[in-house]
Amino acid sequence: MIVEFAAVVPFLMLSLALVWQVLLLGITSMYASHAASEAARQAAVTPDDAARIDEEARKRVRSPWDGEDVMAVEVVERGGAHYARVTMDMPVFLPGMSTPWGVTGEARVVPEVEPRGSVG
């Protein structure tokens, strides 16, 4: 009985580690997507203020995912449209322990327009 338990424990630990890593991937992906949406919203309001766009994206992400060395925010142009792109380093086993792989979230920037009939 004890021998079987000792033989199974490494497999259980490996399975637990794998589930934990998949959970970290999901959380990182969620944060990247949410930060990209916030960056796109801010880019629609203040398209020329990159610092403000970065600040708004980082406000919506918890530490340690929002660190300067972990998260990058940029506005890119593709196919005539602008997109907010947020790239986060993928953590390994513990948030804050980064890998060379990144998780990217993108959201389209929809520019603000004047309402119809406004006097300008």
PDB file of N, CA and C in Angstrom:
ATOM      1  N   MET A   1       0.818  -1.191   0.000  1.00  0.00           N
ATOM      2  CA  MET A   1       0.000   0.000   0.000  1.00  0.00           C
ATOM      3  C   MET A   1       0.860   1.252   0.000  1.00  0.00           C
ATOM      4  N   ILE A   2       1.858   1.302   0.869  1.00  0.00           N
ATOM      5  CA  ILE A   2       2.727   2.476   0.950  1.00  0.00           C
ATOM      6  C   ILE A   2       3.571   2.597  -0.316  1.00  0.00           C
ATOM      7  N   VAL A   3       3.984   1.486  -0.884  1.00  0.00           N
ATOM      8  CA  VAL A   3       4.789   1.508  -2.103  1.00  0.00           C
ATOM      9  C   VAL A   3       3.982   2.087  -3.261  1.00  0.00           C
ATOM     10  N   GLU A   4       2.705   1.679  -3.383  1.00  0.00           N
ATOM     11  CA  GLU A   4       1.863   2.214  -4.444  1.00  0.00           C
ATOM     12  C   GLU A   4       1.648   3.712  -4.264  1.00  0.00           C
ATOM     13  N   PHE A   5       1.436   4.139  -3.034  1.00  0.00           N
ATOM     14  CA  PHE A   5       1.237   5.565  -2.755  1.00  0.00           C
ATOM     15  C   PHE A   5       2.494   6.354  -3.126  1.00  0.00           C
ATOM     16  N   ALA A   6       3.650   5.837  -2.753  1.00  0.00           N
ATOM     17  CA  ALA A   6       4.918   6.507  -3.067  1.00  0.00           C
ATOM     18  C   ALA A   6       5.158   6.571  -4.576  1.00  0.00           C
ATOM     19  N   ALA A   7       4.672   5.580  -5.302  1.00  0.00           N
ATOM     20  CA  ALA A   7       4.831   5.575  -6.758  1.00  0.00           C
ATOM     21  C   ALA A   7       3.884   6.564  -7.433  1.00  0.00           C
ATOM     22  N   VAL A   8       2.742   6.817  -6.829  1.00  0.00           N
ATOM     23  CA  VAL A   8       1.738   7.691  -7.430  1.00  0.00           C
ATOM     24  C   VAL A   8       1.968   9.170  -7.096  1.00  0.00           C
ATOM     25  N   VAL A   9       2.586   9.458  -5.977  1.00  0.00           N
ATOM     26  CA  VAL A   9       2.782  10.845  -5.531  1.00  0.00           C
ATOM     27  C   VAL A   9       3.487  11.710  -6.578  1.00  0.00           C
ATOM     28  N   PRO A  10       4.569  11.274  -7.216  1.00  0.00           N
ATOM     29  CA  PRO A  10       5.199  12.134  -8.232  1.00  0.00           C
ATOM     30  C   PRO A  10       4.261  12.483  -9.391  1.00  0.00           C
ATOM     31  N   PHE A  11       3.427  11.524  -9.788  1.00  0.00           N
ATOM     32  CA  PHE A  11       2.478  11.798 -10.865  1.00  0.00           C
ATOM     33  C   PHE A  11       1.407  12.794 -10.428  1.00  0.00           C
ATOM     34  N   LEU A  12       0.973  12.678  -9.185  1.00  0.00           N
ATOM     35  CA  LEU A  12       0.005  13.641  -8.657  1.00  0.00           C
ATOM     36  C   LEU A  12       0.609  15.043  -8.587  1.00  0.00           C
ATOM     37  N   MET A  13       1.852  15.136  -8.144  1.00  0.00           N
ATOM     38  CA  MET A  13       2.521  16.435  -8.061  1.00  0.00           C
ATOM     39  C   MET A  13       2.729  17.042  -9.451  1.00  0.00           C
ATOM     40  N   LEU A  14       3.098  16.222 -10.407  1.00  0.00           N
ATOM     41  CA  LEU A  14       3.266  16.687 -11.778  1.00  0.00           C
ATOM     42  C   LEU A  14       1.940  17.179 -12.351  1.00  0.00           C
ATOM     43  N   SER A  15       0.876  16.449 -12.084  1.00  0.00           N
ATOM     44  CA  SER A  15      -0.450  16.860 -12.543  1.00  0.00           C
ATOM     45  C   SER A  15      -0.872  18.175 -11.904  1.00  0.00           C
ATOM     46  N   LEU A  16      -0.623  18.319 -10.631  1.00  0.00           N
ATOM     47  CA  LEU A  16      -0.945  19.555  -9.928  1.00  0.00           C
ATOM     48  C   LEU A  16      -0.150  20.734 -10.485  1.00  0.00           C
ATOM     49  N   ALA A  17       1.124  20.525 -10.749  1.00  0.00           N
ATOM     50  CA  ALA A  17       1.964  21.583 -11.324  1.00  0.00           C
ATOM     51  C   ALA A  17       1.468  21.976 -12.711  1.00  0.00           C
ATOM     52  N   LEU A  18       1.057  21.012 -13.502  1.00  0.00           N
ATOM     53  CA  LEU A  18       0.545  21.289 -14.840  1.00  0.00           C
ATOM     54  C   LEU A  18      -0.759  22.084 -14.775  1.00  0.00           C
ATOM     55  N   VAL A  19      -1.656  21.710 -13.899  1.00  0.00           N
ATOM     56  CA  VAL A  19      -2.918  22.447 -13.724  1.00  0.00           C
ATOM     57  C   VAL A  19      -2.637  23.864 -13.263  1.00  0.00           C
ATOM     58  N   TRP A  20      -1.701  24.038 -12.340  1.00  0.00           N
ATOM     59  CA  TRP A  20      -1.343  25.370 -11.847  1.00  0.00           C
ATOM     60  C   TRP A  20      -0.779  26.233 -12.980  1.00  0.00           C
ATOM     61  N   GLN A  21       0.063  25.646 -13.837  1.00  0.00           N
ATOM     62  CA  GLN A  21       0.652  26.401 -14.944  1.00  0.00           C
ATOM     63  C   GLN A  21      -0.418  26.816 -15.947  1.00  0.00           C
ATOM     64  N   VAL A  22      -1.376  25.952 -16.219  1.00  0.00           N
ATOM     65  CA  VAL A  22      -2.477  26.298 -17.118  1.00  0.00           C
ATOM     66  C   VAL A  22      -3.323  27.419 -16.512  1.00  0.00           C
ATOM     67  N   LEU A  23      -3.529  27.389 -15.208  1.00  0.00           N
ATOM     68  CA  LEU A  23      -4.258  28.463 -14.524  1.00  0.00           C
ATOM     69  C   LEU A  23      -3.507  29.796 -14.666  1.00  0.00           C
ATOM     70  N   LEU A  24      -2.198  29.779 -14.486  1.00  0.00           N
ATOM     71  CA  LEU A  24      -1.403  30.999 -14.658  1.00  0.00           C
ATOM     72  C   LEU A  24      -1.474  31.525 -16.092  1.00  0.00           C
ATOM     73  N   LEU A  25      -1.477  30.624 -17.059  1.00  0.00           N
ATOM     74  CA  LEU A  25      -1.615  31.028 -18.458  1.00  0.00           C
ATOM     75  C   LEU A  25      -2.964  31.708 -18.680  1.00  0.00           C
ATOM     76  N   GLY A  26      -4.019  31.159 -18.122  1.00  0.00           N
ATOM     77  CA  GLY A  26      -5.353  31.744 -18.267  1.00  0.00           C
ATOM     78  C   GLY A  26      -5.462  33.116 -17.616  1.00  0.00           C
ATOM     79  N   ILE A  27      -4.899  33.253 -16.426  1.00  0.00           N
ATOM     80  CA  ILE A  27      -4.943  34.550 -15.738  1.00  0.00           C
ATOM     81  C   ILE A  27      -4.147  35.585 -16.517  1.00  0.00           C
ATOM     82  N   THR A  28      -2.968  35.210 -17.004  1.00  0.00           N
ATOM     83  CA  THR A  28      -2.141  36.136 -17.777  1.00  0.00           C
ATOM     84  C   THR A  28      -2.850  36.554 -19.057  1.00  0.00           C
ATOM     85  N   SER A  29      -3.485  35.622 -19.723  1.00  0.00           N
ATOM     86  CA  SER A  29      -4.239  35.926 -20.941  1.00  0.00           C
ATOM     87  C   SER A  29      -5.410  36.860 -20.650  1.00  0.00           C
ATOM     88  N   MET A  30      -6.100  36.627 -19.552  1.00  0.00           N
ATOM     89  CA  MET A  30      -7.220  37.488 -19.162  1.00  0.00           C
ATOM     90  C   MET A  30      -6.736  38.905 -18.886  1.00  0.00           C
ATOM     91  N   TYR A  31      -5.649  39.034 -18.133  1.00  0.00           N
ATOM     92  CA  TYR A  31      -5.102  40.352 -17.829  1.00  0.00           C
ATOM     93  C   TYR A  31      -4.626  41.064 -19.093  1.00  0.00           C
ATOM     94  N   ALA A  32      -3.979  40.354 -20.014  1.00  0.00           N
ATOM     95  CA  ALA A  32      -3.504  40.968 -21.256  1.00  0.00           C
ATOM     96  C   ALA A  32      -4.677  41.475 -22.090  1.00  0.00           C
ATOM     97  N   SER A  33      -5.723  40.696 -22.175  1.00  0.00           N
ATOM     98  CA  SER A  33      -6.913  41.096 -22.935  1.00  0.00           C
ATOM     99  C   SER A  33      -7.599  42.300 -22.299  1.00  0.00           C
ATOM    100  N   HIS A  34      -7.743  42.266 -20.994  1.00  0.00           N
ATOM    101  CA  HIS A  34      -8.410  43.361 -20.291  1.00  0.00           C
ATOM    102  C   HIS A  34      -7.587  44.645 -20.384  1.00  0.00           C
ATOM    103  N   ALA A  35      -6.281  44.551 -20.231  1.00  0.00           N
ATOM    104  CA  ALA A  35      -5.413  45.719 -20.330  1.00  0.00           C
ATOM    105  C   ALA A  35      -5.437  46.292 -21.744  1.00  0.00           C
ATOM    106  N   ALA A  36      -5.502  45.431 -22.760  1.00  0.00           N
ATOM    107  CA  ALA A  36      -5.577  45.904 -24.145  1.00  0.00           C
ATOM    108  C   ALA A  36      -6.890  46.646 -24.383  1.00  0.00           C
ATOM    109  N   SER A  37      -7.971  46.159 -23.820  1.00  0.00           N
ATOM    110  CA  SER A  37      -9.261  46.850 -23.962  1.00  0.00           C
ATOM    111  C   SER A  37      -9.214  48.225 -23.312  1.00  0.00           C
ATOM    112  N   GLU A  38      -8.626  48.315 -22.142  1.00  0.00           N
ATOM    113  CA  GLU A  38      -8.513  49.605 -21.461  1.00  0.00           C
ATOM    114  C   GLU A  38      -7.576  50.547 -22.209  1.00  0.00           C
ATOM    115  N   ALA A  39      -6.494  50.016 -22.754  1.00  0.00           N
ATOM    116  CA  ALA A  39      -5.578  50.840 -23.539  1.00  0.00           C
ATOM    117  C   ALA A  39      -6.253  51.349 -24.804  1.00  0.00           C
ATOM    118  N   ALA A  40      -7.050  50.510 -25.452  1.00  0.00           N
ATOM    119  CA  ALA A  40      -7.771  50.929 -26.657  1.00  0.00           C
ATOM    120  C   ALA A  40      -8.807  52.000 -26.325  1.00  0.00           C
ATOM    121  N   ARG A  41      -9.479  51.852 -25.203  1.00  0.00           N
ATOM    122  CA  ARG A  41     -10.454  52.869 -24.795  1.00  0.00           C
ATOM    123  C   ARG A  41      -9.760  54.205 -24.555  1.00  0.00           C
ATOM    124  N   GLN A  42      -8.632  54.170 -23.867  1.00  0.00           N
ATOM    125  CA  GLN A  42      -7.908  55.412 -23.596  1.00  0.00           C
ATOM    126  C   GLN A  42      -7.299  55.987 -24.868  1.00  0.00           C
ATOM    127  N   ALA A  43      -6.838  55.141 -25.772  1.00  0.00           N
ATOM    128  CA  ALA A  43      -6.277  55.610 -27.042  1.00  0.00           C
ATOM    129  C   ALA A  43      -7.340  56.269 -27.906  1.00  0.00           C
ATOM    130  N   ALA A  44      -8.583  55.867 -27.750  1.00  0.00           N
ATOM    131  CA  ALA A  44      -9.671  56.510 -28.499  1.00  0.00           C
ATOM    132  C   ALA A  44      -9.918  57.922 -27.986  1.00  0.00           C
ATOM    133  N   VAL A  45      -9.717  58.133 -26.689  1.00  0.00           N
ATOM    134  CA  VAL A  45      -9.962  59.441 -26.079  1.00  0.00           C
ATOM    135  C   VAL A  45      -8.751  60.351 -26.226  1.00  0.00           C
ATOM    136  N   THR A  46      -7.564  59.822 -25.929  1.00  0.00           N
ATOM    137  CA  THR A  46      -6.323  60.613 -26.004  1.00  0.00           C
ATOM    138  C   THR A  46      -5.304  59.854 -26.858  1.00  0.00           C
ATOM    139  N   PRO A  47      -5.442  59.912 -28.193  1.00  0.00           N
ATOM    140  CA  PRO A  47      -4.573  59.099 -29.061  1.00  0.00           C
ATOM    141  C   PRO A  47      -3.098  59.505 -29.034  1.00  0.00           C
ATOM    142  N   ASP A  48      -2.785  60.725 -28.656  1.00  0.00           N
ATOM    143  CA  ASP A  48      -1.398  61.190 -28.690  1.00  0.00           C
ATOM    144  C   ASP A  48      -0.686  61.089 -27.348  1.00  0.00           C
ATOM    145  N   ASP A  49      -1.343  60.606 -26.324  1.00  0.00           N
ATOM    146  CA  ASP A  49      -0.762  60.549 -24.986  1.00  0.00           C
ATOM    147  C   ASP A  49      -0.428  59.098 -24.620  1.00  0.00           C
ATOM    148  N   ALA A  50       0.761  58.655 -25.049  1.00  0.00           N
ATOM    149  CA  ALA A  50       1.170  57.257 -24.814  1.00  0.00           C
ATOM    150  C   ALA A  50       1.321  56.945 -23.329  1.00  0.00           C
ATOM    151  N   ALA A  51       1.771  57.925 -22.547  1.00  0.00           N
ATOM    152  CA  ALA A  51       1.938  57.690 -21.102  1.00  0.00           C
ATOM    153  C   ALA A  51       0.598  57.438 -20.439  1.00  0.00           C
ATOM    154  N   ARG A  52      -0.424  58.173 -20.841  1.00  0.00           N
ATOM    155  CA  ARG A  52      -1.759  57.994 -20.260  1.00  0.00           C
ATOM    156  C   ARG A  52      -2.361  56.645 -20.672  1.00  0.00           C
ATOM    157  N   ILE A  53      -2.124  56.245 -21.913  1.00  0.00           N
ATOM    158  CA  ILE A  53      -2.604  54.946 -22.398  1.00  0.00           C
ATOM    159  C   ILE A  53      -1.963  53.822 -21.587  1.00  0.00           C
ATOM    160  N   ASP A  54      -0.653  53.919 -21.380  1.00  0.00           N
ATOM    161  CA  ASP A  54       0.068  52.916 -20.594  1.00  0.00           C
ATOM    162  C   ASP A  54      -0.432  52.895 -19.155  1.00  0.00           C
ATOM    163  N   GLU A  55      -0.635  54.071 -18.574  1.00  0.00           N
ATOM    164  CA  GLU A  55      -1.102  54.174 -17.186  1.00  0.00           C
ATOM    165  C   GLU A  55      -2.471  53.529 -16.995  1.00  0.00           C
ATOM    166  N   GLU A  56      -3.398  53.803 -17.913  1.00  0.00           N
ATOM    167  CA  GLU A  56      -4.744  53.220 -17.802  1.00  0.00           C
ATOM    168  C   GLU A  56      -4.719  51.705 -17.949  1.00  0.00           C
ATOM    169  N   ALA A  57      -3.881  51.200 -18.842  1.00  0.00           N
ATOM    170  CA  ALA A  57      -3.784  49.744 -19.014  1.00  0.00           C
ATOM    171  C   ALA A  57      -3.227  49.092 -17.749  1.00  0.00           C
ATOM    172  N   ARG A  58      -2.230  49.708 -17.137  1.00  0.00           N
ATOM    173  CA  ARG A  58      -1.601  49.139 -15.938  1.00  0.00           C
ATOM    174  C   ARG A  58      -2.495  49.231 -14.703  1.00  0.00           C
ATOM    175  N   LYS A  59      -3.398  50.198 -14.667  1.00  0.00           N
ATOM    176  CA  LYS A  59      -4.323  50.329 -13.527  1.00  0.00           C
ATOM    177  C   LYS A  59      -5.224  49.111 -13.396  1.00  0.00           C
ATOM    178  N   ARG A  60      -5.513  48.464 -14.491  1.00  0.00           N
ATOM    179  CA  ARG A  60      -6.487  47.374 -14.507  1.00  0.00           C
ATOM    180  C   ARG A  60      -5.872  45.999 -14.280  1.00  0.00           C
ATOM    181  N   VAL A  61      -4.553  45.966 -14.037  1.00  0.00           N
ATOM    182  CA  VAL A  61      -3.839  44.697 -13.891  1.00  0.00           C
ATOM    183  C   VAL A  61      -3.207  44.645 -12.510  1.00  0.00           C
ATOM    184  N   ARG A  62      -3.298  43.508 -11.863  1.00  0.00           N
ATOM    185  CA  ARG A  62      -2.728  43.350 -10.516  1.00  0.00           C
ATOM    186  C   ARG A  62      -1.228  43.084 -10.565  1.00  0.00           C
ATOM    187  N   SER A  63      -0.597  43.387  -9.473  1.00  0.00           N
ATOM    188  CA  SER A  63       0.821  43.117  -9.323  1.00  0.00           C
ATOM    189  C   SER A  63       1.011  41.601  -9.170  1.00  0.00           C
ATOM    190  N   PRO A  64       2.016  40.999  -9.669  1.00  0.00           N
ATOM    191  CA  PRO A  64       3.212  41.479 -10.351  1.00  0.00           C
ATOM    192  C   PRO A  64       3.088  41.522 -11.868  1.00  0.00           C
ATOM    193  N   TRP A  65       1.890  41.307 -12.408  1.00  0.00           N
ATOM    194  CA  TRP A  65       1.708  41.330 -13.851  1.00  0.00           C
ATOM    195  C   TRP A  65       1.871  42.733 -14.443  1.00  0.00           C
ATOM    196  N   ASP A  66       1.733  43.778 -13.635  1.00  0.00           N
ATOM    197  CA  ASP A  66       1.780  45.150 -14.151  1.00  0.00           C
ATOM    198  C   ASP A  66       3.171  45.771 -14.113  1.00  0.00           C
ATOM    199  N   GLY A  67       4.199  45.006 -13.801  1.00  0.00           N
ATOM    200  CA  GLY A  67       5.559  45.533 -13.693  1.00  0.00           C
ATOM    201  C   GLY A  67       6.102  46.021 -15.021  1.00  0.00           C
ATOM    202  N   GLU A  68       6.999  46.994 -14.958  1.00  0.00           N
ATOM    203  CA  GLU A  68       7.612  47.561 -16.164  1.00  0.00           C
ATOM    204  C   GLU A  68       8.340  46.501 -16.990  1.00  0.00           C
ATOM    205  N   ASP A  69       8.965  45.546 -16.323  1.00  0.00           N
ATOM    206  CA  ASP A  69       9.720  44.516 -17.030  1.00  0.00           C
ATOM    207  C   ASP A  69       8.858  43.321 -17.442  1.00  0.00           C
ATOM    208  N   VAL A  70       7.587  43.320 -17.062  1.00  0.00           N
ATOM    209  CA  VAL A  70       6.699  42.189 -17.342  1.00  0.00           C
ATOM    210  C   VAL A  70       5.665  42.530 -18.409  1.00  0.00           C
ATOM    211  N   MET A  71       5.235  43.780 -18.462  1.00  0.00           N
ATOM    212  CA  MET A  71       4.111  44.188 -19.312  1.00  0.00           C
ATOM    213  C   MET A  71       4.537  45.307 -20.254  1.00  0.00           C
ATOM    214  N   ALA A  72       4.191  45.169 -21.539  1.00  0.00           N
ATOM    215  CA  ALA A  72       4.484  46.200 -22.541  1.00  0.00           C
ATOM    216  C   ALA A  72       3.184  46.609 -23.222  1.00  0.00           C
ATOM    217  N   VAL A  73       2.976  47.913 -23.341  1.00  0.00           N
ATOM    218  CA  VAL A  73       1.766  48.455 -23.962  1.00  0.00           C
ATOM    219  C   VAL A  73       2.185  49.270 -25.173  1.00  0.00           C
ATOM    220  N   GLU A  74       1.524  49.036 -26.314  1.00  0.00           N
ATOM    221  CA  GLU A  74       1.812  49.817 -27.514  1.00  0.00           C
ATOM    222  C   GLU A  74       0.554  49.925 -28.359  1.00  0.00           C
ATOM    223  N   VAL A  75       0.520  50.973 -29.184  1.00  0.00           N
ATOM    224  CA  VAL A  75      -0.559  51.145 -30.154  1.00  0.00           C
ATOM    225  C   VAL A  75       0.060  50.947 -31.521  1.00  0.00           C
ATOM    226  N   VAL A  76      -0.466  49.993 -32.275  1.00  0.00           N
ATOM    227  CA  VAL A  76       0.085  49.650 -33.586  1.00  0.00           C
ATOM    228  C   VAL A  76      -0.973  49.885 -34.659  1.00  0.00           C
ATOM    229  N   GLU A  77      -0.495  50.109 -35.886  1.00  0.00           N
ATOM    230  CA  GLU A  77      -1.411  50.279 -37.016  1.00  0.00           C
ATOM    231  C   GLU A  77      -1.297  49.061 -37.911  1.00  0.00           C
ATOM    232  N   ARG A  78      -2.455  48.538 -38.310  1.00  0.00           N
ATOM    233  CA  ARG A  78      -2.491  47.367 -39.174  1.00  0.00           C
ATOM    234  C   ARG A  78      -3.739  47.451 -40.041  1.00  0.00           C
ATOM    235  N   GLY A  79      -3.552  47.427 -41.332  1.00  0.00           N
ATOM    236  CA  GLY A  79      -4.678  47.433 -42.258  1.00  0.00           C
ATOM    237  C   GLY A  79      -5.515  48.701 -42.181  1.00  0.00           C
ATOM    238  N   GLY A  80      -4.892  49.823 -41.882  1.00  0.00           N
ATOM    239  CA  GLY A  80      -5.613  51.086 -41.810  1.00  0.00           C
ATOM    240  C   GLY A  80      -6.314  51.336 -40.488  1.00  0.00           C
ATOM    241  N   ALA A  81      -6.228  50.412 -39.564  1.00  0.00           N
ATOM    242  CA  ALA A  81      -6.862  50.578 -38.249  1.00  0.00           C
ATOM    243  C   ALA A  81      -5.781  50.547 -37.174  1.00  0.00           C
ATOM    244  N   HIS A  82      -6.083  51.140 -36.035  1.00  0.00           N
ATOM    245  CA  HIS A  82      -5.162  51.143 -34.899  1.00  0.00           C
ATOM    246  C   HIS A  82      -5.614  50.102 -33.870  1.00  0.00           C
ATOM    247  N   TYR A  83      -4.647  49.449 -33.266  1.00  0.00           N
ATOM    248  CA  TYR A  83      -4.902  48.428 -32.258  1.00  0.00           C
ATOM    249  C   TYR A  83      -4.017  48.682 -31.043  1.00  0.00           C
ATOM    250  N   ALA A  84      -4.578  48.487 -29.872  1.00  0.00           N
ATOM    251  CA  ALA A  84      -3.785  48.516 -28.646  1.00  0.00           C
ATOM    252  C   ALA A  84      -3.315  47.091 -28.400  1.00  0.00           C
ATOM    253  N   ARG A  85      -2.019  46.937 -28.229  1.00  0.00           N
ATOM    254  CA  ARG A  85      -1.438  45.613 -28.015  1.00  0.00           C
ATOM    255  C   ARG A  85      -0.725  45.601 -26.661  1.00  0.00           C
ATOM    256  N   VAL A  86      -1.084  44.634 -25.844  1.00  0.00           N
ATOM    257  CA  VAL A  86      -0.441  44.449 -24.544  1.00  0.00           C
ATOM    258  C   VAL A  86       0.199  43.073 -24.534  1.00  0.00           C
ATOM    259  N   THR A  87       1.493  43.042 -24.234  1.00  0.00           N
ATOM    260  CA  THR A  87       2.229  41.786 -24.149  1.00  0.00           C
ATOM    261  C   THR A  87       2.736  41.616 -22.723  1.00  0.00           C
ATOM    262  N   MET A  88       2.463  40.456 -22.149  1.00  0.00           N
ATOM    263  CA  MET A  88       2.914  40.140 -20.793  1.00  0.00           C
ATOM    264  C   MET A  88       3.778  38.894 -20.826  1.00  0.00           C
ATOM    265  N   ASP A  89       4.823  38.910 -20.011  1.00  0.00           N
ATOM    266  CA  ASP A  89       5.663  37.724 -19.887  1.00  0.00           C
ATOM    267  C   ASP A  89       4.869  36.624 -19.189  1.00  0.00           C
ATOM    268  N   MET A  90       4.995  35.416 -19.713  1.00  0.00           N
ATOM    269  CA  MET A  90       4.306  34.269 -19.130  1.00  0.00           C
ATOM    270  C   MET A  90       5.019  33.829 -17.862  1.00  0.00           C
ATOM    271  N   PRO A  91       4.330  33.830 -16.714  1.00  0.00           N
ATOM    272  CA  PRO A  91       4.991  33.368 -15.490  1.00  0.00           C
ATOM    273  C   PRO A  91       5.132  31.844 -15.468  1.00  0.00           C
ATOM    274  N   VAL A  92       6.150  31.380 -14.763  1.00  0.00           N
ATOM    275  CA  VAL A  92       6.338  29.949 -14.601  1.00  0.00           C
ATOM    276  C   VAL A  92       6.272  29.627 -13.108  1.00  0.00           C
ATOM    277  N   PHE A  93       5.287  28.873 -12.722  1.00  0.00           N
ATOM    278  CA  PHE A  93       5.007  28.394 -11.364  1.00  0.00           C
ATOM    279  C   PHE A  93       4.623  29.478 -10.364  1.00  0.00           C
ATOM    280  N   LEU A  94       5.250  30.647 -10.402  1.00  0.00           N
ATOM    281  CA  LEU A  94       4.888  31.734  -9.503  1.00  0.00           C
ATOM    282  C   LEU A  94       4.758  33.029 -10.291  1.00  0.00           C
ATOM    283  N   PRO A  95       3.720  33.818 -10.050  1.00  0.00           N
ATOM    284  CA  PRO A  95       3.642  35.120 -10.707  1.00  0.00           C
ATOM    285  C   PRO A  95       4.876  35.943 -10.353  1.00  0.00           C
ATOM    286  N   GLY A  96       5.484  36.543 -11.343  1.00  0.00           N
ATOM    287  CA  GLY A  96       6.701  37.305 -11.130  1.00  0.00           C
ATOM    288  C   GLY A  96       7.939  36.574 -11.628  1.00  0.00           C
ATOM    289  N   MET A  97       7.854  35.267 -11.777  1.00  0.00           N
ATOM    290  CA  MET A  97       8.960  34.497 -12.345  1.00  0.00           C
ATOM    291  C   MET A  97       8.681  34.320 -13.838  1.00  0.00           C
ATOM    292  N   SER A  98       9.284  35.173 -14.643  1.00  0.00           N
ATOM    293  CA  SER A  98       8.956  35.236 -16.070  1.00  0.00           C
ATOM    294  C   SER A  98       9.735  34.227 -16.901  1.00  0.00           C
ATOM    295  N   THR A  99       9.153  33.915 -18.045  1.00  0.00           N
ATOM    296  CA  THR A  99       9.777  33.059 -19.041  1.00  0.00           C
ATOM    297  C   THR A  99      10.036  33.903 -20.279  1.00  0.00           C
ATOM    298  N   PRO A 100      10.739  33.386 -21.258  1.00  0.00           N
ATOM    299  CA  PRO A 100      10.953  34.154 -22.493  1.00  0.00           C
ATOM    300  C   PRO A 100       9.701  34.232 -23.376  1.00  0.00           C
ATOM    301  N   TRP A 101       8.650  33.535 -23.016  1.00  0.00           N
ATOM    302  CA  TRP A 101       7.425  33.546 -23.811  1.00  0.00           C
ATOM    303  C   TRP A 101       6.500  34.644 -23.328  1.00  0.00           C
ATOM    304  N   GLY A 102       5.733  35.180 -24.258  1.00  0.00           N
ATOM    305  CA  GLY A 102       4.798  36.234 -23.906  1.00  0.00           C
ATOM    306  C   GLY A 102       3.375  35.880 -24.288  1.00  0.00           C
ATOM    307  N   VAL A 103       2.446  36.508 -23.621  1.00  0.00           N
ATOM    308  CA  VAL A 103       1.022  36.379 -23.924  1.00  0.00           C
ATOM    309  C   VAL A 103       0.562  37.750 -24.391  1.00  0.00           C
ATOM    310  N   THR A 104      -0.094  37.812 -25.540  1.00  0.00           N
ATOM    311  CA  THR A 104      -0.480  39.090 -26.127  1.00  0.00           C
ATOM    312  C   THR A 104      -1.996  39.215 -26.205  1.00  0.00           C
ATOM    313  N   GLY A 105      -2.469  40.402 -25.871  1.00  0.00           N
ATOM    314  CA  GLY A 105      -3.875  40.745 -26.025  1.00  0.00           C
ATOM    315  C   GLY A 105      -3.979  41.965 -26.918  1.00  0.00           C
ATOM    316  N   GLU A 106      -4.969  41.984 -27.783  1.00  0.00           N
ATOM    317  CA  GLU A 106      -5.154  43.119 -28.693  1.00  0.00           C
ATOM    318  C   GLU A 106      -6.601  43.560 -28.676  1.00  0.00           C
ATOM    319  N   ALA A 107      -6.792  44.873 -28.847  1.00  0.00           N
ATOM    320  CA  ALA A 107      -8.138  45.432 -28.957  1.00  0.00           C
ATOM    321  C   ALA A 107      -8.088  46.576 -29.953  1.00  0.00           C
ATOM    322  N   ARG A 108      -9.100  46.678 -30.772  1.00  0.00           N
ATOM    323  CA  ARG A 108      -9.146  47.737 -31.783  1.00  0.00           C
ATOM    324  C   ARG A 108      -9.498  49.066 -31.138  1.00  0.00           C
ATOM    325  N   VAL A 109      -8.805  50.097 -31.578  1.00  0.00           N
ATOM    326  CA  VAL A 109      -9.081  51.453 -31.116  1.00  0.00           C
ATOM    327  C   VAL A 109     -10.171  52.023 -32.012  1.00  0.00           C
ATOM    328  N   VAL A 110     -11.299  52.358 -31.403  1.00  0.00           N
ATOM    329  CA  VAL A 110     -12.407  52.967 -32.147  1.00  0.00           C
ATOM    330  C   VAL A 110     -12.379  54.460 -31.835  1.00  0.00           C
ATOM    331  N   PRO A 111     -11.995  55.290 -32.819  1.00  0.00           N
ATOM    332  CA  PRO A 111     -11.837  56.722 -32.538  1.00  0.00           C
ATOM    333  C   PRO A 111     -13.139  57.389 -32.155  1.00  0.00           C
ATOM    334  N   GLU A 112     -13.009  58.379 -31.291  1.00  0.00           N
ATOM    335  CA  GLU A 112     -14.171  59.177 -30.883  1.00  0.00           C
ATOM    336  C   GLU A 112     -14.567  60.071 -32.061  1.00  0.00           C
ATOM    337  N   VAL A 113     -15.845  60.214 -32.294  1.00  0.00           N
ATOM    338  CA  VAL A 113     -16.346  61.090 -33.355  1.00  0.00           C
ATOM    339  C   VAL A 113     -17.332  62.078 -32.754  1.00  0.00           C
ATOM    340  N   GLU A 114     -17.511  63.180 -33.466  1.00  0.00           N
ATOM    341  CA  GLU A 114     -18.496  64.159 -32.999  1.00  0.00           C
ATOM    342  C   GLU A 114     -19.893  63.653 -33.305  1.00  0.00           C
ATOM    343  N   PRO A 115     -20.839  63.894 -32.401  1.00  0.00           N
ATOM    344  CA  PRO A 115     -22.218  63.475 -32.660  1.00  0.00           C
ATOM    345  C   PRO A 115     -22.812  64.224 -33.860  1.00  0.00           C
ATOM    346  N   ARG A 116     -23.751  63.627 -34.503  1.00  0.00           N
ATOM    347  CA  ARG A 116     -24.419  64.266 -35.655  1.00  0.00           C
ATOM    348  C   ARG A 116     -25.166  65.505 -35.183  1.00  0.00           C
ATOM    349  N   GLY A 117     -25.094  66.507 -36.015  1.00  0.00           N
ATOM    350  CA  GLY A 117     -25.839  67.734 -35.714  1.00  0.00           C
ATOM    351  C   GLY A 117     -25.142  68.640 -34.728  1.00  0.00           C
ATOM    352  N   SER A 118     -23.921  68.306 -34.303  1.00  0.00           N
ATOM    353  CA  SER A 118     -23.233  69.185 -33.359  1.00  0.00           C
ATOM    354  C   SER A 118     -22.673  70.378 -34.102  1.00  0.00           C
ATOM    355  N   VAL A 119     -22.623  71.482 -33.419  1.00  0.00           N
ATOM    356  CA  VAL A 119     -22.118  72.713 -34.014  1.00  0.00           C
ATOM    357  C   VAL A 119     -20.625  72.767 -33.735  1.00  0.00           C
ATOM    358  N   GLY A 120     -19.820  72.875 -34.768  1.00  0.00           N
ATOM    359  CA  GLY A 120     -18.379  72.841 -34.575  1.00  0.00           C
ATOM    360  C   GLY A 120     -17.692  73.933 -35.167  1.00  0.00           C
TER     361      GLY A 120
END
